[in-house]
Structures are given as C-alpha cells and as structure tokens.
Amino acid sequence: MQYRSSLSKARGLGSAKEGIEHWWVLRLTALALVPLSLWFAFSVVTLVGGDYETYRAWAGEHGNAMLLVLLVICLFHHAQLGVQVIIEDYVHHEGIKVASIIATKFTAVFFGASSVAAVLRITFGG
C-alpha cells in the first residue's frame, strides 16, 4: 500500500530524505552552544576591566583557544542552518532561493574561517 497522492505519483516526487539530518544538526549545534555560550559569557565577565594583554593571554591559553574555536564553528554553522530554513520557508522564487542559500553558506564559511584564523593568530602569537 502506498501513501502517495496522485499528483505526487504523476510528478515522481517523494521525500528528499534530507530533512531529518538538517533538523538533527540544528538541534545538536543548539545544544552545543548552550554550555559554550555560558562558558564564554562567564569568562568575559571575569575579564572585565582587563587590558588588551589580559584578554590576549586568556585567549592564548590552550583550553580557551580550543573552546573559542568550537564556539565559532558551532555558532556560524547553527546560524547558517537557521537562515537556510527561513529562506526555504519564505522565499518562493527558486532562483533567488538557491542564490540566497549559496550566499549564506559562503558568508558563514568566510566569517567562520576568519574568526578561527583570528583565534589561532592570538593563540600562537603574531
């Protein structure tokens, strides 16, 4: 027994089988961002009043650098996935939709890579 509509059978359309993965990754990045964001907020609050060298020394510590990189990666990936969902739901012109999703992905990769490079530069000096 098939549960496909007549129109679906006529067009040969069916499930893309990709929606659940997108949903899970969005939830997992959100879950990862909770402790990372709390750690970052607590760390920044403890550094209030410090000078540039204090911040640089803090970011240069191995554990902090690693957590900063994880925060940046999760943050930009989660943001890109969220914006993609909004574009898919509310942009109806197929060309604009595809161009917007591609632009969103490139923007997230660019700013994410720039942020990781900045953390690594601070960590290893320069």
C-alpha atoms as a PDB file:
ATOM      1  CA  MET A   1       0.000   0.000   0.000  1.00  0.00           C
ATOM      2  CA  GLN A   2       1.377   3.389  -0.974  1.00  0.00           C
ATOM      3  CA  TYR A   3       0.513   6.619   0.793  1.00  0.00           C
ATOM      4  CA  ARG A   4       1.437   8.941  -2.061  1.00  0.00           C
ATOM      5  CA  SER A   5      -1.044  11.297  -3.604  1.00  0.00           C
ATOM      6  CA  SER A   6      -1.958  11.032  -7.262  1.00  0.00           C
ATOM      7  CA  LEU A   7      -0.165  14.277  -8.008  1.00  0.00           C
ATOM      8  CA  SER A   8       2.974  13.006  -6.295  1.00  0.00           C
ATOM      9  CA  LYS A   9       2.892   9.804  -8.332  1.00  0.00           C
ATOM     10  CA  ALA A  10       2.407  11.764 -11.536  1.00  0.00           C
ATOM     11  CA  ARG A  11       5.362  14.046 -10.873  1.00  0.00           C
ATOM     12  CA  GLY A  12       7.562  11.321  -9.464  1.00  0.00           C
ATOM     13  CA  LEU A  13       8.118  13.394  -6.360  1.00  0.00           C
ATOM     14  CA  GLY A  14       8.727  11.977  -2.961  1.00  0.00           C
ATOM     15  CA  SER A  15      10.680  12.605   0.173  1.00  0.00           C
ATOM     16  CA  ALA A  16      14.079  14.195  -0.302  1.00  0.00           C
ATOM     17  CA  LYS A  17      15.211  12.188   2.758  1.00  0.00           C
ATOM     18  CA  GLU A  18      17.384  15.073   3.963  1.00  0.00           C
ATOM     19  CA  GLY A  19      15.092  16.955   6.309  1.00  0.00           C
ATOM     20  CA  ILE A  20      15.737  14.889   9.422  1.00  0.00           C
ATOM     21  CA  GLU A  21      19.514  15.301   9.182  1.00  0.00           C
ATOM     22  CA  HIS A  22      19.143  19.074   8.861  1.00  0.00           C
ATOM     23  CA  TRP A  23      16.782  19.098  11.865  1.00  0.00           C
ATOM     24  CA  TRP A  24      19.152  16.994  13.996  1.00  0.00           C
ATOM     25  CA  VAL A  25      22.235  19.073  13.174  1.00  0.00           C
ATOM     26  CA  LEU A  26      20.332  22.250  14.013  1.00  0.00           C
ATOM     27  CA  ARG A  27      19.315  20.779  17.397  1.00  0.00           C
ATOM     28  CA  LEU A  28      22.791  19.431  18.162  1.00  0.00           C
ATOM     29  CA  THR A  29      24.509  22.720  17.380  1.00  0.00           C
ATOM     30  CA  ALA A  30      21.952  24.499  19.570  1.00  0.00           C
ATOM     31  CA  LEU A  31      22.674  22.033  22.365  1.00  0.00           C
ATOM     32  CA  ALA A  32      26.440  22.547  21.975  1.00  0.00           C
ATOM     33  CA  LEU A  33      26.003  26.325  22.003  1.00  0.00           C
ATOM     34  CA  VAL A  34      24.372  26.341  25.454  1.00  0.00           C
ATOM     35  CA  PRO A  35      27.457  25.364  27.508  1.00  0.00           C
ATOM     36  CA  LEU A  36      29.851  27.112  25.114  1.00  0.00           C
ATOM     37  CA  SER A  37      27.906  30.381  25.360  1.00  0.00           C
ATOM     38  CA  LEU A  38      27.670  30.128  29.145  1.00  0.00           C
ATOM     39  CA  TRP A  39      31.408  29.461  29.362  1.00  0.00           C
ATOM     40  CA  PHE A  40      32.155  32.411  27.073  1.00  0.00           C
ATOM     41  CA  ALA A  41      29.848  34.806  28.936  1.00  0.00           C
ATOM     42  CA  PHE A  42      31.290  33.780  32.323  1.00  0.00           C
ATOM     43  CA  SER A  43      34.848  34.131  31.002  1.00  0.00           C
ATOM     44  CA  VAL A  44      34.244  37.581  29.565  1.00  0.00           C
ATOM     45  CA  VAL A  45      32.606  38.771  32.783  1.00  0.00           C
ATOM     46  CA  THR A  46      35.637  37.655  34.799  1.00  0.00           C
ATOM     47  CA  LEU A  47      37.890  39.637  32.445  1.00  0.00           C
ATOM     48  CA  VAL A  48      36.001  42.928  32.831  1.00  0.00           C
ATOM     49  CA  GLY A  49      38.453  45.740  33.476  1.00  0.00           C
ATOM     50  CA  GLY A  50      41.399  43.896  31.975  1.00  0.00           C
ATOM     51  CA  ASP A  51      43.609  45.393  29.318  1.00  0.00           C
ATOM     52  CA  TYR A  52      44.342  44.027  25.853  1.00  0.00           C
ATOM     53  CA  GLU A  53      47.227  41.876  27.067  1.00  0.00           C
ATOM     54  CA  THR A  54      44.982  40.267  29.697  1.00  0.00           C
ATOM     55  CA  TYR A  55      42.469  39.288  27.023  1.00  0.00           C
ATOM     56  CA  ARG A  56      45.230  38.088  24.748  1.00  0.00           C
ATOM     57  CA  ALA A  57      46.789  35.964  27.486  1.00  0.00           C
ATOM     58  CA  TRP A  58      43.376  34.482  28.311  1.00  0.00           C
ATOM     59  CA  ALA A  59      42.620  33.657  24.659  1.00  0.00           C
ATOM     60  CA  GLY A  60      46.128  32.259  24.232  1.00  0.00           C
ATOM     61  CA  GLU A  61      45.585  29.534  26.803  1.00  0.00           C
ATOM     62  CA  HIS A  62      45.179  26.168  25.098  1.00  0.00           C
ATOM     63  CA  GLY A  63      41.809  25.219  26.615  1.00  0.00           C
ATOM     64  CA  ASN A  64      40.316  28.645  25.969  1.00  0.00           C
ATOM     65  CA  ALA A  65      41.543  28.720  22.385  1.00  0.00           C
ATOM     66  CA  MET A  66      40.032  25.305  21.716  1.00  0.00           C
ATOM     67  CA  LEU A  67      36.688  26.296  23.242  1.00  0.00           C
ATOM     68  CA  LEU A  68      36.682  29.566  21.287  1.00  0.00           C
ATOM     69  CA  VAL A  69      37.216  27.676  18.029  1.00  0.00           C
ATOM     70  CA  LEU A  70      34.411  25.247  18.916  1.00  0.00           C
ATOM     71  CA  LEU A  71      32.137  28.176  19.779  1.00  0.00           C
ATOM     72  CA  VAL A  72      32.845  29.907  16.480  1.00  0.00           C
ATOM     73  CA  ILE A  73      32.311  26.758  14.406  1.00  0.00           C
ATOM     74  CA  CYS A  74      29.058  25.818  16.161  1.00  0.00           C
ATOM     75  CA  LEU A  75      27.800  29.403  16.096  1.00  0.00           C
ATOM     76  CA  PHE A  76      28.303  30.009  12.398  1.00  0.00           C
ATOM     77  CA  HIS A  77      27.085  26.547  11.388  1.00  0.00           C
ATOM     78  CA  HIS A  78      23.950  26.924  13.518  1.00  0.00           C
ATOM     79  CA  ALA A  79      23.294  30.423  12.152  1.00  0.00           C
ATOM     80  CA  GLN A  80      23.716  29.243   8.563  1.00  0.00           C
ATOM     81  CA  LEU A  81      21.313  26.350   9.093  1.00  0.00           C
ATOM     82  CA  GLY A  82      18.726  28.628  10.695  1.00  0.00           C
ATOM     83  CA  VAL A  83      18.904  31.219   7.931  1.00  0.00           C
ATOM     84  CA  GLN A  84      18.659  28.434   5.343  1.00  0.00           C
ATOM     85  CA  VAL A  85      15.404  27.214   6.913  1.00  0.00           C
ATOM     86  CA  ILE A  86      13.989  30.743   6.827  1.00  0.00           C
ATOM     87  CA  ILE A  87      14.979  31.161   3.173  1.00  0.00           C
ATOM     88  CA  GLU A  88      13.472  27.802   2.224  1.00  0.00           C
ATOM     89  CA  ASP A  89      10.227  28.641   4.001  1.00  0.00           C
ATOM     90  CA  TYR A  90       9.700  32.228   2.876  1.00  0.00           C
ATOM     91  CA  VAL A  91      11.478  32.737  -0.466  1.00  0.00           C
ATOM     92  CA  HIS A  92       9.311  31.333  -3.239  1.00  0.00           C
ATOM     93  CA  HIS A  93      11.293  32.215  -6.368  1.00  0.00           C
ATOM     94  CA  GLU A  94      13.579  29.230  -6.996  1.00  0.00           C
ATOM     95  CA  GLY A  95      16.493  31.228  -8.437  1.00  0.00           C
ATOM     96  CA  ILE A  96      16.548  33.719  -5.595  1.00  0.00           C
ATOM     97  CA  LYS A  97      16.191  30.887  -3.076  1.00  0.00           C
ATOM     98  CA  VAL A  98      19.193  28.965  -4.413  1.00  0.00           C
ATOM     99  CA  ALA A  99      21.330  32.105  -4.735  1.00  0.00           C
ATOM    100  CA  SER A 100      20.433  33.160  -1.185  1.00  0.00           C
ATOM    101  CA  ILE A 101      21.280  29.763   0.289  1.00  0.00           C
ATOM    102  CA  ILE A 102      24.620  29.692  -1.533  1.00  0.00           C
ATOM    103  CA  ALA A 103      25.411  33.248  -0.405  1.00  0.00           C
ATOM    104  CA  THR A 104      24.501  32.334   3.177  1.00  0.00           C
ATOM    105  CA  LYS A 105      26.785  29.293   3.136  1.00  0.00           C
ATOM    106  CA  PHE A 106      29.713  31.237   1.675  1.00  0.00           C
ATOM    107  CA  THR A 107      29.195  34.058   4.174  1.00  0.00           C
ATOM    108  CA  ALA A 108      29.155  31.645   7.121  1.00  0.00           C
ATOM    109  CA  VAL A 109      32.290  29.873   5.891  1.00  0.00           C
ATOM    110  CA  PHE A 110      34.094  33.173   5.281  1.00  0.00           C
ATOM    111  CA  PHE A 111      33.318  34.708   8.663  1.00  0.00           C
ATOM    112  CA  GLY A 112      33.793  31.409  10.485  1.00  0.00           C
ATOM    113  CA  ALA A 113      37.196  30.831   8.901  1.00  0.00           C
ATOM    114  CA  SER A 114      38.195  34.446   9.595  1.00  0.00           C
ATOM    115  CA  SER A 115      37.209  34.061  13.242  1.00  0.00           C
ATOM    116  CA  VAL A 116      39.095  30.772  13.625  1.00  0.00           C
ATOM    117  CA  ALA A 117      42.153  32.351  11.983  1.00  0.00           C
ATOM    118  CA  ALA A 118      41.956  35.261  14.432  1.00  0.00           C
ATOM    119  CA  VAL A 119      41.809  32.892  17.412  1.00  0.00           C
ATOM    120  CA  LEU A 120      44.744  30.901  16.072  1.00  0.00           C
ATOM    121  CA  ARG A 121      46.728  34.053  15.436  1.00  0.00           C
ATOM    122  CA  ILE A 122      46.157  35.210  19.003  1.00  0.00           C
ATOM    123  CA  THR A 123      46.934  31.742  20.360  1.00  0.00           C
ATOM    124  CA  PHE A 124      50.208  31.267  18.506  1.00  0.00           C
ATOM    125  CA  GLY A 125      51.253  34.927  18.616  1.00  0.00           C
ATOM    126  CA  GLY A 126      51.565  37.358  15.813  1.00  0.00           C
END
